[in-house]
Amino acid sequence: MVVDEKKLIEIIEPHIFRCRAGDWEHAERVVKWIKELGQDREDLLLLITAGYIHDIGWRDLLNKDKITFEELLALEPQANKNSEQNIRELLGQLNYATKDIETILRLVSAADKHKSSNEDEAIIVDADQLSKLDINHLKEKFQKSEWIKMYELWNKEFDKRITTEKAKLLYPSLLTSLKREIDIG
């Protein structure tokens, strides 16, 4: 198993660059939040690995153009389906133990479903959600015509998705800042 994050990035980054526009930058933000929400955990490297590759199912699924919400909804089931094979292939090449691959698959599945059953899943789900509350996420991934639609979805759904105490404290101000940055009246 790769134990150095720099080496992990070197190997994973080219795969994520084959995903949607902005997926690598999003993965970096997810990992930033994982480190904040999961600091001092023994399994932090597994969470970090899952954070970097949680969207790998999008690899080679579409071109690098910014997408619409409708395109996201239409392609997301296929991307989620692709995740397991892509993760097993990549982590197998990196000599991850079967047990660790299974843990990472469970974490990625929780992120895909926006739903957690335990503490490690809550960390990646919340990190994924918090990472979206950044104007750069919208700029990198979505056509400008979709920004308000995405904000409205997140405003409606995030209070149901976020479960860690720290994220519950953080997300309202991040959501308010995002609203101001996209200039919603």
C-alpha atoms as a PDB file:
ATOM      1  CA  MET A   1       0.000   0.000   0.000  1.00  0.00           C
ATOM      2  CA  VAL A   2       1.194   3.524  -0.782  1.00  0.00           C
ATOM      3  CA  VAL A   3       1.707   5.281   2.543  1.00  0.00           C
ATOM      4  CA  ASP A   4       3.002   8.612   1.290  1.00  0.00           C
ATOM      5  CA  GLU A   5       0.320  11.070   0.176  1.00  0.00           C
ATOM      6  CA  LYS A   6       2.612  12.688  -2.408  1.00  0.00           C
ATOM      7  CA  LYS A   7       3.180   9.318  -4.084  1.00  0.00           C
ATOM      8  CA  LEU A   8      -0.550   8.600  -3.893  1.00  0.00           C
ATOM      9  CA  ILE A   9      -1.311  11.908  -5.636  1.00  0.00           C
ATOM     10  CA  GLU A  10       1.302  11.234  -8.314  1.00  0.00           C
ATOM     11  CA  ILE A  11      -0.368   7.937  -9.191  1.00  0.00           C
ATOM     12  CA  ILE A  12      -4.036   8.911  -8.796  1.00  0.00           C
ATOM     13  CA  GLU A  13      -4.053  12.409 -10.301  1.00  0.00           C
ATOM     14  CA  PRO A  14      -3.768  11.311 -13.975  1.00  0.00           C
ATOM     15  CA  HIS A  15      -6.797   9.039 -13.518  1.00  0.00           C
ATOM     16  CA  ILE A  16      -8.933  11.806 -12.018  1.00  0.00           C
ATOM     17  CA  PHE A  17      -7.912  14.223 -14.775  1.00  0.00           C
ATOM     18  CA  ARG A  18      -9.703  11.787 -17.121  1.00  0.00           C
ATOM     19  CA  CYS A  19     -12.950  12.470 -15.241  1.00  0.00           C
ATOM     20  CA  ARG A  20     -15.217  15.530 -15.444  1.00  0.00           C
ATOM     21  CA  ALA A  21     -13.945  19.061 -15.594  1.00  0.00           C
ATOM     22  CA  GLY A  22     -13.012  20.142 -12.076  1.00  0.00           C
ATOM     23  CA  ASP A  23     -12.976  16.657 -10.531  1.00  0.00           C
ATOM     24  CA  TRP A  24      -9.318  16.850  -9.483  1.00  0.00           C
ATOM     25  CA  GLU A  25      -9.771  20.235  -7.813  1.00  0.00           C
ATOM     26  CA  HIS A  26     -12.922  18.906  -6.131  1.00  0.00           C
ATOM     27  CA  ALA A  27     -11.008  15.843  -4.889  1.00  0.00           C
ATOM     28  CA  GLU A  28      -8.349  18.107  -3.394  1.00  0.00           C
ATOM     29  CA  ARG A  29     -11.032  20.094  -1.542  1.00  0.00           C
ATOM     30  CA  VAL A  30     -12.666  16.861  -0.327  1.00  0.00           C
ATOM     31  CA  VAL A  31      -9.325  15.693   1.069  1.00  0.00           C
ATOM     32  CA  LYS A  32      -8.813  19.068   2.766  1.00  0.00           C
ATOM     33  CA  TRP A  33     -12.151  18.613   4.548  1.00  0.00           C
ATOM     34  CA  ILE A  34     -11.409  14.954   5.347  1.00  0.00           C
ATOM     35  CA  LYS A  35      -8.225  16.054   7.091  1.00  0.00           C
ATOM     36  CA  GLU A  36     -10.150  18.641   9.085  1.00  0.00           C
ATOM     37  CA  LEU A  37     -13.084  16.383  10.007  1.00  0.00           C
ATOM     38  CA  GLY A  38     -11.006  13.241  10.538  1.00  0.00           C
ATOM     39  CA  GLN A  39      -7.784  14.539  12.029  1.00  0.00           C
ATOM     40  CA  ASP A  40      -5.936  12.149  14.326  1.00  0.00           C
ATOM     41  CA  ARG A  41      -7.834   9.088  13.063  1.00  0.00           C
ATOM     42  CA  GLU A  42      -5.846   5.894  12.561  1.00  0.00           C
ATOM     43  CA  ASP A  43      -7.644   5.286   9.258  1.00  0.00           C
ATOM     44  CA  LEU A  44      -6.998   8.794   7.905  1.00  0.00           C
ATOM     45  CA  LEU A  45      -4.948   7.536   4.934  1.00  0.00           C
ATOM     46  CA  LEU A  46      -7.823   5.283   3.838  1.00  0.00           C
ATOM     47  CA  LEU A  47     -10.206   8.241   4.092  1.00  0.00           C
ATOM     48  CA  ILE A  48      -7.752  10.413   2.130  1.00  0.00           C
ATOM     49  CA  THR A  49      -7.400   7.734  -0.554  1.00  0.00           C
ATOM     50  CA  ALA A  50     -11.192   7.477  -0.816  1.00  0.00           C
ATOM     51  CA  GLY A  51     -11.427  11.266  -1.008  1.00  0.00           C
ATOM     52  CA  TYR A  52      -9.037  11.454  -3.942  1.00  0.00           C
ATOM     53  CA  ILE A  53     -10.737   8.674  -5.918  1.00  0.00           C
ATOM     54  CA  HIS A  54     -14.396   8.966  -4.918  1.00  0.00           C
ATOM     55  CA  ASP A  55     -15.347  10.263  -8.394  1.00  0.00           C
ATOM     56  CA  ILE A  56     -13.141   7.891 -10.415  1.00  0.00           C
ATOM     57  CA  GLY A  57     -16.260   6.302 -11.897  1.00  0.00           C
ATOM     58  CA  TRP A  58     -16.493   9.366 -14.157  1.00  0.00           C
ATOM     59  CA  ARG A  59     -13.176   8.443 -15.792  1.00  0.00           C
ATOM     60  CA  ASP A  60     -13.566   8.529 -19.591  1.00  0.00           C
ATOM     61  CA  LEU A  61     -17.372   8.822 -19.286  1.00  0.00           C
ATOM     62  CA  LEU A  62     -17.640  12.204 -20.986  1.00  0.00           C
ATOM     63  CA  ASN A  63     -15.575  15.028 -22.374  1.00  0.00           C
ATOM     64  CA  LYS A  64     -14.054  17.720 -20.172  1.00  0.00           C
ATOM     65  CA  ASP A  65     -16.744  20.350 -20.765  1.00  0.00           C
ATOM     66  CA  LYS A  66     -18.671  21.809 -17.863  1.00  0.00           C
ATOM     67  CA  ILE A  67     -21.933  19.971 -17.426  1.00  0.00           C
ATOM     68  CA  THR A  68     -25.550  20.727 -16.668  1.00  0.00           C
ATOM     69  CA  PHE A  69     -27.539  19.360 -13.755  1.00  0.00           C
ATOM     70  CA  GLU A  70     -29.515  17.186 -16.176  1.00  0.00           C
ATOM     71  CA  GLU A  71     -26.302  15.665 -17.574  1.00  0.00           C
ATOM     72  CA  LEU A  72     -25.129  15.003 -14.033  1.00  0.00           C
ATOM     73  CA  LEU A  73     -28.350  13.174 -13.180  1.00  0.00           C
ATOM     74  CA  ALA A  74     -28.331  11.207 -16.431  1.00  0.00           C
ATOM     75  CA  LEU A  75     -24.726  10.005 -16.134  1.00  0.00           C
ATOM     76  CA  GLU A  76     -24.334   9.630 -12.368  1.00  0.00           C
ATOM     77  CA  PRO A  77     -25.753   6.059 -12.192  1.00  0.00           C
ATOM     78  CA  GLN A  78     -23.198   4.873 -14.774  1.00  0.00           C
ATOM     79  CA  ALA A  79     -20.373   6.710 -13.007  1.00  0.00           C
ATOM     80  CA  ASN A  80     -21.326   5.130  -9.683  1.00  0.00           C
ATOM     81  CA  LYS A  81     -21.477   1.719 -11.360  1.00  0.00           C
ATOM     82  CA  ASN A  82     -17.989   2.243 -12.845  1.00  0.00           C
ATOM     83  CA  SER A  83     -16.450   3.139  -9.485  1.00  0.00           C
ATOM     84  CA  GLU A  84     -15.962  -0.348  -8.080  1.00  0.00           C
ATOM     85  CA  GLN A  85     -14.094  -1.741 -11.082  1.00  0.00           C
ATOM     86  CA  ASN A  86     -11.930   1.387 -11.440  1.00  0.00           C
ATOM     87  CA  ILE A  87     -11.089   1.416  -7.725  1.00  0.00           C
ATOM     88  CA  ARG A  88     -10.280  -2.293  -7.563  1.00  0.00           C
ATOM     89  CA  GLU A  89      -8.039  -1.969 -10.614  1.00  0.00           C
ATOM     90  CA  LEU A  90      -6.170   1.116  -9.420  1.00  0.00           C
ATOM     91  CA  LEU A  91      -5.756   0.124  -5.767  1.00  0.00           C
ATOM     92  CA  GLY A  92      -4.794  -3.408  -6.749  1.00  0.00           C
ATOM     93  CA  GLN A  93      -1.948  -1.959  -8.821  1.00  0.00           C
ATOM     94  CA  LEU A  94      -0.928   0.049  -5.755  1.00  0.00           C
ATOM     95  CA  ASN A  95      -0.840  -3.147  -3.663  1.00  0.00           C
ATOM     96  CA  TYR A  96      -3.588  -2.123  -1.254  1.00  0.00           C
ATOM     97  CA  ALA A  97      -4.724  -4.986   0.952  1.00  0.00           C
ATOM     98  CA  THR A  98      -8.098  -6.499   0.047  1.00  0.00           C
ATOM     99  CA  LYS A  99      -9.486  -5.361   3.416  1.00  0.00           C
ATOM    100  CA  ASP A 100      -8.411  -1.747   2.708  1.00  0.00           C
ATOM    101  CA  ILE A 101      -9.879  -1.842  -0.805  1.00  0.00           C
ATOM    102  CA  GLU A 102     -13.189  -3.031   0.659  1.00  0.00           C
ATOM    103  CA  THR A 103     -13.116  -0.179   3.194  1.00  0.00           C
ATOM    104  CA  ILE A 104     -12.412   2.378   0.464  1.00  0.00           C
ATOM    105  CA  LEU A 105     -15.203   0.947  -1.708  1.00  0.00           C
ATOM    106  CA  ARG A 106     -17.599   1.292   1.245  1.00  0.00           C
ATOM    107  CA  LEU A 107     -16.498   4.895   1.800  1.00  0.00           C
ATOM    108  CA  VAL A 108     -16.883   5.795  -1.880  1.00  0.00           C
ATOM    109  CA  SER A 109     -20.306   4.149  -1.966  1.00  0.00           C
ATOM    110  CA  ALA A 110     -21.386   6.271   1.019  1.00  0.00           C
ATOM    111  CA  ALA A 111     -20.165   9.413  -0.778  1.00  0.00           C
ATOM    112  CA  ASP A 112     -22.023   8.381  -3.948  1.00  0.00           C
ATOM    113  CA  LYS A 113     -25.252   7.867  -1.975  1.00  0.00           C
ATOM    114  CA  HIS A 114     -24.716  10.976   0.200  1.00  0.00           C
ATOM    115  CA  LYS A 115     -25.564   8.776   3.150  1.00  0.00           C
ATOM    116  CA  SER A 116     -23.506   7.412   6.031  1.00  0.00           C
ATOM    117  CA  SER A 117     -24.030   4.558   8.457  1.00  0.00           C
ATOM    118  CA  ASN A 118     -20.970   5.084  10.639  1.00  0.00           C
ATOM    119  CA  GLU A 119     -18.314   7.628  11.582  1.00  0.00           C
ATOM    120  CA  ASP A 120     -15.802   7.077   8.768  1.00  0.00           C
ATOM    121  CA  GLU A 121     -18.566   7.229   6.160  1.00  0.00           C
ATOM    122  CA  ALA A 122     -19.926  10.410   7.777  1.00  0.00           C
ATOM    123  CA  ILE A 123     -16.517  12.044   7.394  1.00  0.00           C
ATOM    124  CA  ILE A 124     -16.258  11.430   3.646  1.00  0.00           C
ATOM    125  CA  VAL A 125     -19.924  12.249   2.995  1.00  0.00           C
ATOM    126  CA  ASP A 126     -19.619  15.523   4.900  1.00  0.00           C
ATOM    127  CA  ALA A 127     -16.259  16.367   3.305  1.00  0.00           C
ATOM    128  CA  ASP A 128     -17.759  15.803  -0.146  1.00  0.00           C
ATOM    129  CA  GLN A 129     -20.713  18.049   0.657  1.00  0.00           C
ATOM    130  CA  LEU A 130     -18.648  20.828   2.252  1.00  0.00           C
ATOM    131  CA  SER A 131     -16.272  20.839  -0.711  1.00  0.00           C
ATOM    132  CA  LYS A 132     -19.159  21.738  -3.014  1.00  0.00           C
ATOM    133  CA  LEU A 133     -19.946  24.909  -1.062  1.00  0.00           C
ATOM    134  CA  ASP A 134     -17.142  26.758  -2.819  1.00  0.00           C
ATOM    135  CA  ILE A 135     -17.653  29.051  -5.793  1.00  0.00           C
ATOM    136  CA  ASN A 136     -14.719  27.343  -7.510  1.00  0.00           C
ATOM    137  CA  HIS A 137     -16.637  24.060  -7.471  1.00  0.00           C
ATOM    138  CA  LEU A 138     -19.395  25.649  -9.522  1.00  0.00           C
ATOM    139  CA  LYS A 139     -16.970  27.506 -11.807  1.00  0.00           C
ATOM    140  CA  GLU A 140     -14.904  24.388 -12.532  1.00  0.00           C
ATOM    141  CA  LYS A 141     -17.687  21.845 -13.010  1.00  0.00           C
ATOM    142  CA  PHE A 142     -20.945  23.472 -14.082  1.00  0.00           C
ATOM    143  CA  GLN A 143     -22.200  25.783 -16.754  1.00  0.00           C
ATOM    144  CA  LYS A 144     -23.042  29.155 -15.204  1.00  0.00           C
ATOM    145  CA  SER A 145     -26.713  28.662 -16.042  1.00  0.00           C
ATOM    146  CA  GLU A 146     -26.725  25.780 -13.506  1.00  0.00           C
ATOM    147  CA  TRP A 147     -25.255  27.570 -10.496  1.00  0.00           C
ATOM    148  CA  ILE A 148     -28.530  28.698  -8.908  1.00  0.00           C
ATOM    149  CA  LYS A 149     -30.069  25.269  -9.515  1.00  0.00           C
ATOM    150  CA  MET A 150     -27.127  23.596  -7.766  1.00  0.00           C
ATOM    151  CA  TYR A 151     -27.251  26.057  -4.873  1.00  0.00           C
ATOM    152  CA  GLU A 152     -30.984  25.456  -4.427  1.00  0.00           C
ATOM    153  CA  LEU A 153     -30.446  21.689  -4.378  1.00  0.00           C
ATOM    154  CA  TRP A 154     -27.683  21.967  -1.793  1.00  0.00           C
ATOM    155  CA  ASN A 155     -29.713  24.424   0.292  1.00  0.00           C
ATOM    156  CA  LYS A 156     -32.589  21.926   0.340  1.00  0.00           C
ATOM    157  CA  GLU A 157     -30.589  18.706   0.834  1.00  0.00           C
ATOM    158  CA  PHE A 158     -27.450  19.350   2.865  1.00  0.00           C
ATOM    159  CA  ASP A 159     -29.126  19.597   6.267  1.00  0.00           C
ATOM    160  CA  LYS A 160     -30.319  16.000   5.661  1.00  0.00           C
ATOM    161  CA  ARG A 161     -26.936  14.754   4.403  1.00  0.00           C
ATOM    162  CA  ILE A 162     -24.469  16.282   6.850  1.00  0.00           C
ATOM    163  CA  THR A 163     -24.077  14.418  10.132  1.00  0.00           C
ATOM    164  CA  THR A 164     -20.758  15.228  11.825  1.00  0.00           C
ATOM    165  CA  GLU A 165     -20.988  17.912  14.486  1.00  0.00           C
ATOM    166  CA  LYS A 166     -18.156  19.960  12.998  1.00  0.00           C
ATOM    167  CA  ALA A 167     -19.703  19.952   9.505  1.00  0.00           C
ATOM    168  CA  LYS A 168     -23.109  20.891  10.944  1.00  0.00           C
ATOM    169  CA  LEU A 169     -21.462  23.969  12.415  1.00  0.00           C
ATOM    170  CA  LEU A 170     -19.564  24.826   9.217  1.00  0.00           C
ATOM    171  CA  TYR A 171     -22.004  24.308   6.389  1.00  0.00           C
ATOM    172  CA  PRO A 172     -24.521  27.125   7.109  1.00  0.00           C
ATOM    173  CA  SER A 173     -21.854  29.829   6.815  1.00  0.00           C
ATOM    174  CA  LEU A 174     -20.311  28.152   3.754  1.00  0.00           C
ATOM    175  CA  LEU A 175     -23.748  28.004   2.118  1.00  0.00           C
ATOM    176  CA  THR A 176     -24.379  31.676   2.943  1.00  0.00           C
ATOM    177  CA  SER A 177     -21.003  32.653   1.480  1.00  0.00           C
ATOM    178  CA  LEU A 178     -21.708  30.675  -1.670  1.00  0.00           C
ATOM    179  CA  LYS A 179     -25.093  32.367  -2.037  1.00  0.00           C
ATOM    180  CA  ARG A 180     -23.424  35.759  -1.784  1.00  0.00           C
ATOM    181  CA  GLU A 181     -20.706  34.798  -4.279  1.00  0.00           C
ATOM    182  CA  ILE A 182     -23.185  33.685  -6.931  1.00  0.00           C
ATOM    183  CA  ASP A 183     -25.283  36.755  -6.137  1.00  0.00           C
ATOM    184  CA  ILE A 184     -28.617  35.176  -5.351  1.00  0.00           C
ATOM    185  CA  GLY A 185     -30.922  37.915  -4.101  1.00  0.00           C
END
